[in-house]
Structures are given as structure tokens and as C-alpha cells.
Amino acid sequence: GLKATILQLEKTMEEMGVTKIKTVGEQFNHEQHEAVEEKTGDVGKILSEVQPGFMLNNKVIVPAKVVVGK
């Protein structure tokens, strides 16, 4: 039920040009990500996602809040 609703919402958002910003395992990019915490790990790599971020037609509308390695 809920998973199907979420998938439908994501599909609709994607059709409108809204995409989710990639986070975990990616290199930190201050234009797309907001670091809310640093933890021991690979320097500059995103360790976990606190809140997803979104782009509309390749422009950031909500930056992703992430934990970054130091």
C-alpha cells in the first residue's frame, strides 16, 4: 500500500522534472549537499543521508542533508 503510493509519487515527480539528488557514496558537493555532521570515514565522501534533496530540471530546489567523512 504505502510503498506503491511512494513509488507513484516518485514517478509523478520525475515526469515533472523533479529528481532526487544522489548521496551515499558520492563525493560531497556543496552545491547539492548540506553537511550536517562529520564522522570518521573517507574524507569528503558522503557516509549517510539525513534528509533527501531534490533538483528540478537540473537546478537544486532542496539540498540533501548529509553526514560527511573527515
N, C-alpha and C. Protein backbone atom coordinates (compact mmCIF):
# COMPACT_ATOMS: atom_id res chain seq x y z
N GLY A 1 0.78 -1.18 0.00
CA GLY A 1 0.00 0.00 0.00
C GLY A 1 0.84 1.27 0.00
N LEU A 2 1.57 1.50 1.10
CA LEU A 2 2.34 2.73 1.24
C LEU A 2 3.50 2.77 0.25
N LYS A 3 4.17 1.62 0.05
CA LYS A 3 5.28 1.58 -0.90
C LYS A 3 4.81 1.92 -2.31
N ALA A 4 3.64 1.41 -2.69
CA ALA A 4 3.10 1.70 -4.02
C ALA A 4 2.79 3.18 -4.17
N THR A 5 2.28 3.79 -3.11
CA THR A 5 1.98 5.22 -3.14
C THR A 5 3.24 6.04 -3.30
N ILE A 6 4.29 5.67 -2.55
CA ILE A 6 5.57 6.38 -2.63
C ILE A 6 6.17 6.23 -4.03
N LEU A 7 6.13 5.04 -4.59
CA LEU A 7 6.66 4.82 -5.94
C LEU A 7 5.89 5.65 -6.98
N GLN A 8 4.58 5.73 -6.84
CA GLN A 8 3.77 6.52 -7.76
C GLN A 8 4.12 8.00 -7.65
N LEU A 9 4.30 8.48 -6.40
CA LEU A 9 4.67 9.88 -6.18
C LEU A 9 6.03 10.18 -6.82
N GLU A 10 7.01 9.29 -6.60
CA GLU A 10 8.34 9.48 -7.19
C GLU A 10 8.26 9.49 -8.72
N LYS A 11 7.44 8.60 -9.29
CA LYS A 11 7.29 8.55 -10.75
C LYS A 11 6.68 9.85 -11.27
N THR A 12 5.65 10.34 -10.59
CA THR A 12 5.00 11.58 -10.99
C THR A 12 5.97 12.76 -10.90
N MET A 13 6.74 12.81 -9.80
CA MET A 13 7.72 13.88 -9.63
C MET A 13 8.76 13.85 -10.75
N GLU A 14 9.22 12.65 -11.10
CA GLU A 14 10.22 12.51 -12.16
C GLU A 14 9.65 12.97 -13.50
N GLU A 15 8.38 12.66 -13.76
CA GLU A 15 7.74 13.10 -15.01
C GLU A 15 7.67 14.63 -15.07
N MET A 16 7.61 15.28 -13.92
CA MET A 16 7.54 16.74 -13.85
C MET A 16 8.93 17.37 -13.86
N GLY A 17 9.99 16.54 -13.91
CA GLY A 17 11.36 17.06 -13.95
C GLY A 17 12.04 17.14 -12.61
N VAL A 18 11.40 16.60 -11.55
CA VAL A 18 12.00 16.61 -10.22
C VAL A 18 12.73 15.29 -10.02
N THR A 19 14.02 15.37 -9.66
CA THR A 19 14.81 14.16 -9.41
C THR A 19 15.47 14.25 -8.05
N LYS A 20 15.73 13.09 -7.46
CA LYS A 20 16.37 13.01 -6.16
C LYS A 20 17.89 13.13 -6.34
N ILE A 21 18.53 13.86 -5.45
CA ILE A 21 19.99 14.03 -5.50
C ILE A 21 20.66 12.79 -4.94
N LYS A 22 21.65 12.26 -5.65
CA LYS A 22 22.41 11.10 -5.17
C LYS A 22 23.26 11.52 -3.98
N THR A 23 23.37 10.63 -2.99
CA THR A 23 24.11 11.00 -1.79
C THR A 23 25.12 9.94 -1.35
N VAL A 24 24.69 8.89 -0.69
CA VAL A 24 25.59 7.93 -0.05
C VAL A 24 26.61 7.37 -1.04
N GLY A 25 27.89 7.49 -0.67
CA GLY A 25 28.98 7.01 -1.51
C GLY A 25 29.50 8.04 -2.49
N GLU A 26 28.78 9.12 -2.67
CA GLU A 26 29.18 10.17 -3.60
C GLU A 26 30.16 11.14 -2.92
N GLN A 27 30.91 11.87 -3.72
CA GLN A 27 31.78 12.93 -3.22
C GLN A 27 30.91 14.12 -2.82
N PHE A 28 31.22 14.73 -1.67
CA PHE A 28 30.46 15.88 -1.20
C PHE A 28 30.56 17.03 -2.19
N ASN A 29 29.43 17.63 -2.52
CA ASN A 29 29.36 18.75 -3.45
C ASN A 29 28.53 19.83 -2.77
N HIS A 30 29.17 20.94 -2.40
CA HIS A 30 28.47 21.98 -1.64
C HIS A 30 27.30 22.60 -2.39
N GLU A 31 27.24 22.42 -3.70
CA GLU A 31 26.12 22.96 -4.48
C GLU A 31 24.87 22.09 -4.37
N GLN A 32 25.04 20.81 -4.04
CA GLN A 32 23.91 19.89 -3.97
C GLN A 32 23.67 19.36 -2.56
N HIS A 33 24.68 19.40 -1.72
CA HIS A 33 24.59 18.79 -0.39
C HIS A 33 24.84 19.81 0.72
N GLU A 34 24.20 19.58 1.86
CA GLU A 34 24.44 20.38 3.06
C GLU A 34 24.94 19.43 4.13
N ALA A 35 26.18 19.63 4.58
CA ALA A 35 26.75 18.77 5.62
C ALA A 35 26.19 19.17 6.97
N VAL A 36 25.56 18.21 7.65
CA VAL A 36 25.00 18.49 8.96
C VAL A 36 25.83 17.82 10.07
N GLU A 37 26.76 16.94 9.66
CA GLU A 37 27.60 16.26 10.63
C GLU A 37 28.83 15.68 9.92
N GLU A 38 29.93 15.56 10.68
CA GLU A 38 31.13 14.90 10.18
C GLU A 38 31.43 13.71 11.08
N LYS A 39 31.84 12.61 10.45
CA LYS A 39 32.21 11.40 11.19
C LYS A 39 33.47 10.83 10.57
N THR A 40 34.13 9.97 11.31
CA THR A 40 35.32 9.31 10.80
C THR A 40 34.95 8.45 9.60
N GLY A 41 35.69 8.63 8.53
CA GLY A 41 35.42 7.88 7.30
C GLY A 41 36.22 8.46 6.16
N ASP A 42 35.92 8.03 4.95
CA ASP A 42 36.61 8.55 3.76
C ASP A 42 36.41 10.06 3.68
N VAL A 43 37.51 10.79 3.59
CA VAL A 43 37.46 12.25 3.57
C VAL A 43 36.67 12.74 2.36
N GLY A 44 35.66 13.57 2.62
CA GLY A 44 34.87 14.16 1.55
C GLY A 44 33.78 13.28 0.98
N LYS A 45 33.69 12.04 1.41
CA LYS A 45 32.65 11.13 0.92
C LYS A 45 31.43 11.22 1.82
N ILE A 46 30.27 11.06 1.22
CA ILE A 46 29.03 11.10 1.99
C ILE A 46 28.80 9.71 2.59
N LEU A 47 28.67 9.68 3.92
CA LEU A 47 28.51 8.43 4.65
C LEU A 47 27.05 8.04 4.81
N SER A 48 26.19 9.02 5.02
CA SER A 48 24.76 8.72 5.15
C SER A 48 23.93 9.96 4.81
N GLU A 49 22.66 9.71 4.55
CA GLU A 49 21.73 10.77 4.20
C GLU A 49 20.79 11.02 5.38
N VAL A 50 20.68 12.27 5.80
CA VAL A 50 19.77 12.64 6.88
C VAL A 50 18.41 13.01 6.31
N GLN A 51 18.44 13.75 5.20
CA GLN A 51 17.21 14.18 4.52
C GLN A 51 17.49 14.24 3.03
N PRO A 52 16.60 13.69 2.21
CA PRO A 52 16.85 13.72 0.77
C PRO A 52 16.78 15.13 0.19
N GLY A 53 17.48 15.33 -0.91
CA GLY A 53 17.43 16.59 -1.62
C GLY A 53 16.87 16.37 -3.01
N PHE A 54 16.40 17.45 -3.64
CA PHE A 54 15.76 17.32 -4.94
C PHE A 54 16.21 18.42 -5.90
N MET A 55 16.20 18.07 -7.19
CA MET A 55 16.52 19.01 -8.25
C MET A 55 15.33 19.10 -9.19
N LEU A 56 15.12 20.28 -9.76
CA LEU A 56 14.08 20.49 -10.76
C LEU A 56 14.77 20.97 -12.02
N ASN A 57 14.69 20.16 -13.06
CA ASN A 57 15.35 20.49 -14.34
C ASN A 57 16.81 20.87 -14.13
N ASN A 58 17.53 20.04 -13.38
CA ASN A 58 18.96 20.18 -13.11
C ASN A 58 19.33 21.39 -12.27
N LYS A 59 18.39 21.96 -11.53
CA LYS A 59 18.66 23.04 -10.59
C LYS A 59 18.22 22.58 -9.20
N VAL A 60 19.07 22.79 -8.20
CA VAL A 60 18.76 22.36 -6.85
C VAL A 60 17.61 23.19 -6.28
N ILE A 61 16.57 22.49 -5.81
CA ILE A 61 15.47 23.19 -5.15
C ILE A 61 15.50 22.92 -3.65
N VAL A 62 16.03 21.75 -3.24
CA VAL A 62 16.22 21.42 -1.83
C VAL A 62 17.53 20.65 -1.73
N PRO A 63 18.56 21.20 -1.05
CA PRO A 63 19.81 20.46 -0.92
C PRO A 63 19.64 19.24 0.00
N ALA A 64 20.38 18.20 -0.29
CA ALA A 64 20.35 16.99 0.55
C ALA A 64 21.16 17.24 1.82
N LYS A 65 20.63 16.86 2.96
CA LYS A 65 21.34 16.98 4.23
C LYS A 65 22.04 15.66 4.48
N VAL A 66 23.37 15.73 4.67
CA VAL A 66 24.18 14.52 4.71
C VAL A 66 25.22 14.53 5.83
N VAL A 67 25.75 13.33 6.11
CA VAL A 67 26.86 13.14 7.03
C VAL A 67 28.09 12.88 6.16
N VAL A 68 29.17 13.62 6.40
CA VAL A 68 30.37 13.56 5.56
C VAL A 68 31.56 12.99 6.35
N GLY A 69 32.40 12.24 5.68
CA GLY A 69 33.60 11.69 6.30
C GLY A 69 34.67 12.74 6.48
N LYS A 70 35.41 12.61 7.60
CA LYS A 70 36.53 13.55 7.85
C LYS A 70 37.80 12.79 8.11
